[in-house]
Every structure is written in structure tokens, then in C-alpha cells.
């Protein structure tokens, strides 16, 4: 499973970290692989936003070793699912993916309860509280994503 956002500095690494922890907790480490990437990574290799690292550290999830990478550098065919964190990312990926891979593309927020906005908010230009809110939203989605995969 590949989670994709714009810069691969906050939302997708946060989702990756929470999904990885859930996979380990459920004993699925050897069955499901989770990574993340960005569609518009301007500084490959950059560490995640410190606010994202802190928000997940409070949930005992360490994403400090993550490094930003572009979806263009990823072998997309090696992932069963490609989940976009927002509609803009989904549309960008849909326009670029070869036809055989389009069926693997989905929206992360499709796993949210009905009535939830379809975009995971981008906290990058906001405050630390925005990162905390995104971490809580992602935590609520993790079980549904893994249950659907199973």
C-alpha cells in the first residue's frame, strides 16, 4: 500500500507511520507493506515536518527516519493499493497513472465515516494543533484501511 500526498512531509508519512504500527500490532508485518510518497516533492530526502514527528511521537509512533520521496521514483506496480490523501492528489495521480494501475488508485478518506470531508486537511501552513487533528483523523482511519485490505 502506498499513501500519497503533495510533498511527502506530513500527511502521507503520518499515515504510513500509523498504518505500519497497526500492521505490526495485528501481526501482519510479513503480509502488508506500507510506504508513502509525494506528487510534488521539491526536496527529496528531507525529513518530515517536526510538528508531524511530534504529533505521532505522542502516539508512540516514530516517523523521524522517514525521508521525502517523489512518486515518480517509486515502482508503483509493486503496490496493491495507491491511496491519495485528498482529491487534488487523486486527480493528479489518475491523470498520470498508466491504465493497468488506475484500478489500484483510491482515496484514503473513503475509509472515513459518512459525512466526513473527502480531503484530509493539509496542516503544513497551520499550527501544531492542526497536525494533532490530522493525527487523530488518521488514527481513526487505520483500522478501516487494514480491515478493507484483509
C-alpha atoms as a PDB file:
ATOM      1  CA  UNK A   1       0.000   0.000   0.000  1.00  0.00           C
ATOM      2  CA  UNK A   2       1.325   3.432  -0.946  1.00  0.00           C
ATOM      3  CA  UNK A   3      -0.079   6.605   0.641  1.00  0.00           C
ATOM      4  CA  UNK A   4       0.455   9.737  -1.447  1.00  0.00           C
ATOM      5  CA  UNK A   5       0.210  13.434  -0.620  1.00  0.00           C
ATOM      6  CA  UNK A   6       1.807  16.521  -2.151  1.00  0.00           C
ATOM      7  CA  UNK A   7       5.255  16.946  -0.554  1.00  0.00           C
ATOM      8  CA  UNK A   8       5.574  13.735   1.494  1.00  0.00           C
ATOM      9  CA  UNK A   9       6.422  15.756   4.604  1.00  0.00           C
ATOM     10  CA  UNK A  10       3.394  15.402   6.843  1.00  0.00           C
ATOM     11  CA  UNK A  11       0.130  13.697   5.841  1.00  0.00           C
ATOM     12  CA  UNK A  12       1.431  10.673   3.949  1.00  0.00           C
ATOM     13  CA  UNK A  13       4.351   9.951   6.334  1.00  0.00           C
ATOM     14  CA  UNK A  14       1.927  10.254   9.254  1.00  0.00           C
ATOM     15  CA  UNK A  15      -0.455   7.798   7.591  1.00  0.00           C
ATOM     16  CA  UNK A  16       2.445   5.479   6.780  1.00  0.00           C
ATOM     17  CA  UNK A  17       3.669   5.503  10.382  1.00  0.00           C
ATOM     18  CA  UNK A  18       0.253   4.834  11.888  1.00  0.00           C
ATOM     19  CA  UNK A  19      -0.507   2.083   9.371  1.00  0.00           C
ATOM     20  CA  UNK A  20       2.863   0.437   9.993  1.00  0.00           C
ATOM     21  CA  UNK A  21       2.262   0.380  13.728  1.00  0.00           C
ATOM     22  CA  UNK A  22      -1.209  -1.119  13.233  1.00  0.00           C
ATOM     23  CA  UNK A  23       0.206  -3.764  10.899  1.00  0.00           C
ATOM     24  CA  UNK A  24       2.786  -4.779  13.492  1.00  0.00           C
ATOM     25  CA  UNK A  25       0.176  -4.738  16.284  1.00  0.00           C
ATOM     26  CA  UNK A  26      -2.060  -7.055  14.243  1.00  0.00           C
ATOM     27  CA  UNK A  27       0.752  -9.451  13.356  1.00  0.00           C
ATOM     28  CA  UNK A  28       0.609  -8.617   9.639  1.00  0.00           C
ATOM     29  CA  UNK A  29       4.191  -7.403   9.189  1.00  0.00           C
ATOM     30  CA  UNK A  30       5.028 -10.023   6.570  1.00  0.00           C
ATOM     31  CA  UNK A  31       1.742  -9.662   4.714  1.00  0.00           C
ATOM     32  CA  UNK A  32       1.304  -5.956   4.076  1.00  0.00           C
ATOM     33  CA  UNK A  33       3.846  -3.308   3.126  1.00  0.00           C
ATOM     34  CA  UNK A  34       3.135   0.394   3.570  1.00  0.00           C
ATOM     35  CA  UNK A  35       5.131   3.289   2.151  1.00  0.00           C
ATOM     36  CA  UNK A  36       4.485   6.895   1.259  1.00  0.00           C
ATOM     37  CA  UNK A  37       5.474   9.355  -1.437  1.00  0.00           C
ATOM     38  CA  UNK A  38       4.579  12.774  -2.781  1.00  0.00           C
ATOM     39  CA  UNK A  39       3.476  14.112  -6.135  1.00  0.00           C
ATOM     40  CA  UNK A  40       5.384  17.397  -5.843  1.00  0.00           C
ATOM     41  CA  UNK A  41       8.476  16.674  -3.749  1.00  0.00           C
ATOM     42  CA  UNK A  42      10.826  19.629  -4.136  1.00  0.00           C
ATOM     43  CA  UNK A  43      13.497  18.408  -1.712  1.00  0.00           C
ATOM     44  CA  UNK A  44      13.882  14.631  -1.885  1.00  0.00           C
ATOM     45  CA  UNK A  45      15.423  13.199   1.249  1.00  0.00           C
ATOM     46  CA  UNK A  46      14.003  15.888   3.511  1.00  0.00           C
ATOM     47  CA  UNK A  47      12.887  14.825   6.972  1.00  0.00           C
ATOM     48  CA  UNK A  48       9.203  15.045   7.909  1.00  0.00           C
ATOM     49  CA  UNK A  49       7.862  18.259   9.374  1.00  0.00           C
ATOM     50  CA  UNK A  50       8.883  18.369  13.073  1.00  0.00           C
ATOM     51  CA  UNK A  51       5.251  19.014  14.011  1.00  0.00           C
ATOM     52  CA  UNK A  52       4.258  15.747  12.326  1.00  0.00           C
ATOM     53  CA  UNK A  53       7.049  13.898  14.129  1.00  0.00           C
ATOM     54  CA  UNK A  54       5.900  15.343  17.468  1.00  0.00           C
ATOM     55  CA  UNK A  55       2.199  14.614  16.845  1.00  0.00           C
ATOM     56  CA  UNK A  56       2.940  10.948  16.199  1.00  0.00           C
ATOM     57  CA  UNK A  57       5.540  10.660  18.953  1.00  0.00           C
ATOM     58  CA  UNK A  58       2.673  11.428  21.326  1.00  0.00           C
ATOM     59  CA  UNK A  59       1.061   8.224  19.988  1.00  0.00           C
ATOM     60  CA  UNK A  60       4.347   6.288  20.355  1.00  0.00           C
ATOM     61  CA  UNK A  61       4.947   6.250  16.586  1.00  0.00           C
ATOM     62  CA  UNK A  62       8.372   7.344  15.326  1.00  0.00           C
ATOM     63  CA  UNK A  63       8.492   8.764  11.801  1.00  0.00           C
ATOM     64  CA  UNK A  64      11.746  10.693  12.307  1.00  0.00           C
ATOM     65  CA  UNK A  65      13.683   8.386   9.957  1.00  0.00           C
ATOM     66  CA  UNK A  66      11.297   8.968   7.067  1.00  0.00           C
ATOM     67  CA  UNK A  67      12.716  10.821   4.063  1.00  0.00           C
ATOM     68  CA  UNK A  68      10.601  12.534   1.424  1.00  0.00           C
ATOM     69  CA  UNK A  69      10.473  10.892  -1.969  1.00  0.00           C
ATOM     70  CA  UNK A  70       8.685  11.521  -5.201  1.00  0.00           C
ATOM     71  CA  UNK A  71       6.045   9.170  -6.514  1.00  0.00           C
ATOM     72  CA  UNK A  72       7.925   9.421  -9.826  1.00  0.00           C
ATOM     73  CA  UNK A  73      10.770   7.468  -8.183  1.00  0.00           C
ATOM     74  CA  UNK A  74       8.515   4.686  -6.916  1.00  0.00           C
ATOM     75  CA  UNK A  75       7.782   1.406  -8.668  1.00  0.00           C
ATOM     76  CA  UNK A  76       4.018   1.843  -8.498  1.00  0.00           C
ATOM     77  CA  UNK A  77       3.309  -1.595  -9.912  1.00  0.00           C
ATOM     78  CA  UNK A  78       4.702  -3.136  -6.709  1.00  0.00           C
ATOM     79  CA  UNK A  79       1.779  -1.779  -4.650  1.00  0.00           C
ATOM     80  CA  UNK A  80      -1.666  -3.361  -4.445  1.00  0.00           C
ATOM     81  CA  UNK A  81      -3.221  -0.034  -3.484  1.00  0.00           C
ATOM     82  CA  UNK A  82      -2.317   3.598  -4.001  1.00  0.00           C
ATOM     83  CA  UNK A  83      -4.233   5.887  -1.642  1.00  0.00           C
ATOM     84  CA  UNK A  84      -4.385   9.644  -2.220  1.00  0.00           C
ATOM     85  CA  UNK A  85      -4.911  11.842   0.841  1.00  0.00           C
ATOM     86  CA  UNK A  86      -7.018  14.429  -0.987  1.00  0.00           C
ATOM     87  CA  UNK A  87      -8.941  14.940  -4.192  1.00  0.00           C
ATOM     88  CA  UNK A  88      -6.231  17.072  -5.867  1.00  0.00           C
ATOM     89  CA  UNK A  89      -3.665  14.319  -5.327  1.00  0.00           C
ATOM     90  CA  UNK A  90      -6.128  11.713  -6.558  1.00  0.00           C
ATOM     91  CA  UNK A  91      -6.797  13.653  -9.768  1.00  0.00           C
ATOM     92  CA  UNK A  92      -3.085  14.231 -10.356  1.00  0.00           C
ATOM     93  CA  UNK A  93      -2.320  10.539  -9.928  1.00  0.00           C
ATOM     94  CA  UNK A  94      -5.297   9.485 -12.040  1.00  0.00           C
ATOM     95  CA  UNK A  95      -4.017  11.642 -14.900  1.00  0.00           C
ATOM     96  CA  UNK A  96      -0.500  10.189 -14.695  1.00  0.00           C
ATOM     97  CA  UNK A  97      -1.020   6.518 -13.898  1.00  0.00           C
ATOM     98  CA  UNK A  98      -0.924   4.020 -16.740  1.00  0.00           C
ATOM     99  CA  UNK A  99      -4.265   2.314 -17.332  1.00  0.00           C
ATOM    100  CA  UNK A 100      -3.326  -1.001 -15.661  1.00  0.00           C
ATOM    101  CA  UNK A 101      -2.592   0.832 -12.379  1.00  0.00           C
ATOM    102  CA  UNK A 102      -5.671   3.088 -12.263  1.00  0.00           C
ATOM    103  CA  UNK A 103      -7.710   0.315 -10.670  1.00  0.00           C
ATOM    104  CA  UNK A 104      -5.341   0.379  -7.686  1.00  0.00           C
ATOM    105  CA  UNK A 105      -5.917   4.079  -7.029  1.00  0.00           C
ATOM    106  CA  UNK A 106      -8.249   5.131  -4.251  1.00  0.00           C
ATOM    107  CA  UNK A 107      -8.881   7.839  -1.710  1.00  0.00           C
ATOM    108  CA  UNK A 108      -7.730   7.488   1.871  1.00  0.00           C
ATOM    109  CA  UNK A 109     -10.741   9.414   3.126  1.00  0.00           C
ATOM    110  CA  UNK A 110     -13.052   6.827   1.569  1.00  0.00           C
ATOM    111  CA  UNK A 111     -12.413   4.940   4.830  1.00  0.00           C
ATOM    112  CA  UNK A 112     -13.808   7.790   6.940  1.00  0.00           C
ATOM    113  CA  UNK A 113     -17.344   7.801   8.317  1.00  0.00           C
ATOM    114  CA  UNK A 114     -20.079   9.158   6.024  1.00  0.00           C
ATOM    115  CA  UNK A 115     -20.330  12.926   6.098  1.00  0.00           C
ATOM    116  CA  UNK A 116     -16.584  13.415   6.617  1.00  0.00           C
ATOM    117  CA  UNK A 117     -14.915  15.810   4.145  1.00  0.00           C
ATOM    118  CA  UNK A 118     -13.220  13.926   1.318  1.00  0.00           C
ATOM    119  CA  UNK A 119      -9.877  15.690   1.797  1.00  0.00           C
ATOM    120  CA  UNK A 120      -7.523  15.092   4.687  1.00  0.00           C
ATOM    121  CA  UNK A 121      -6.605  18.661   5.689  1.00  0.00           C
ATOM    122  CA  UNK A 122      -3.053  19.779   4.954  1.00  0.00           C
ATOM    123  CA  UNK A 123      -1.664  21.088   8.261  1.00  0.00           C
ATOM    124  CA  UNK A 124       1.639  22.329   6.816  1.00  0.00           C
ATOM    125  CA  UNK A 125       0.833  26.049   6.797  1.00  0.00           C
ATOM    126  CA  UNK A 126      -1.004  25.911  10.121  1.00  0.00           C
ATOM    127  CA  UNK A 127      -0.223  25.281  13.749  1.00  0.00           C
ATOM    128  CA  UNK A 128       0.868  22.254  15.751  1.00  0.00           C
ATOM    129  CA  UNK A 129      -2.776  21.727  16.674  1.00  0.00           C
ATOM    130  CA  UNK A 130      -3.537  21.092  13.010  1.00  0.00           C
ATOM    131  CA  UNK A 131      -1.027  18.247  12.994  1.00  0.00           C
ATOM    132  CA  UNK A 132      -2.618  16.817  16.144  1.00  0.00           C
ATOM    133  CA  UNK A 133      -6.036  16.941  14.472  1.00  0.00           C
ATOM    134  CA  UNK A 134      -4.705  15.179  11.356  1.00  0.00           C
ATOM    135  CA  UNK A 135      -3.053  12.518  13.530  1.00  0.00           C
ATOM    136  CA  UNK A 136      -6.390  11.881  15.270  1.00  0.00           C
ATOM    137  CA  UNK A 137      -8.209  11.661  11.925  1.00  0.00           C
ATOM    138  CA  UNK A 138      -5.645   9.232  10.574  1.00  0.00           C
ATOM    139  CA  UNK A 139      -5.755   7.110  13.712  1.00  0.00           C
ATOM    140  CA  UNK A 140      -9.491   6.746  13.227  1.00  0.00           C
ATOM    141  CA  UNK A 141      -8.981   5.549   9.610  1.00  0.00           C
ATOM    142  CA  UNK A 142      -6.229   2.997  10.182  1.00  0.00           C
ATOM    143  CA  UNK A 143      -8.395   0.081  11.283  1.00  0.00           C
ATOM    144  CA  UNK A 144     -10.804   0.551   8.368  1.00  0.00           C
ATOM    145  CA  UNK A 145      -7.952   0.649   5.841  1.00  0.00           C
ATOM    146  CA  UNK A 146      -6.417  -2.568   7.171  1.00  0.00           C
ATOM    147  CA  UNK A 147      -9.767  -4.323   7.537  1.00  0.00           C
ATOM    148  CA  UNK A 148     -10.582  -3.487   3.912  1.00  0.00           C
ATOM    149  CA  UNK A 149      -7.212  -4.822   2.764  1.00  0.00           C
ATOM    150  CA  UNK A 150      -7.791  -8.104   4.595  1.00  0.00           C
END
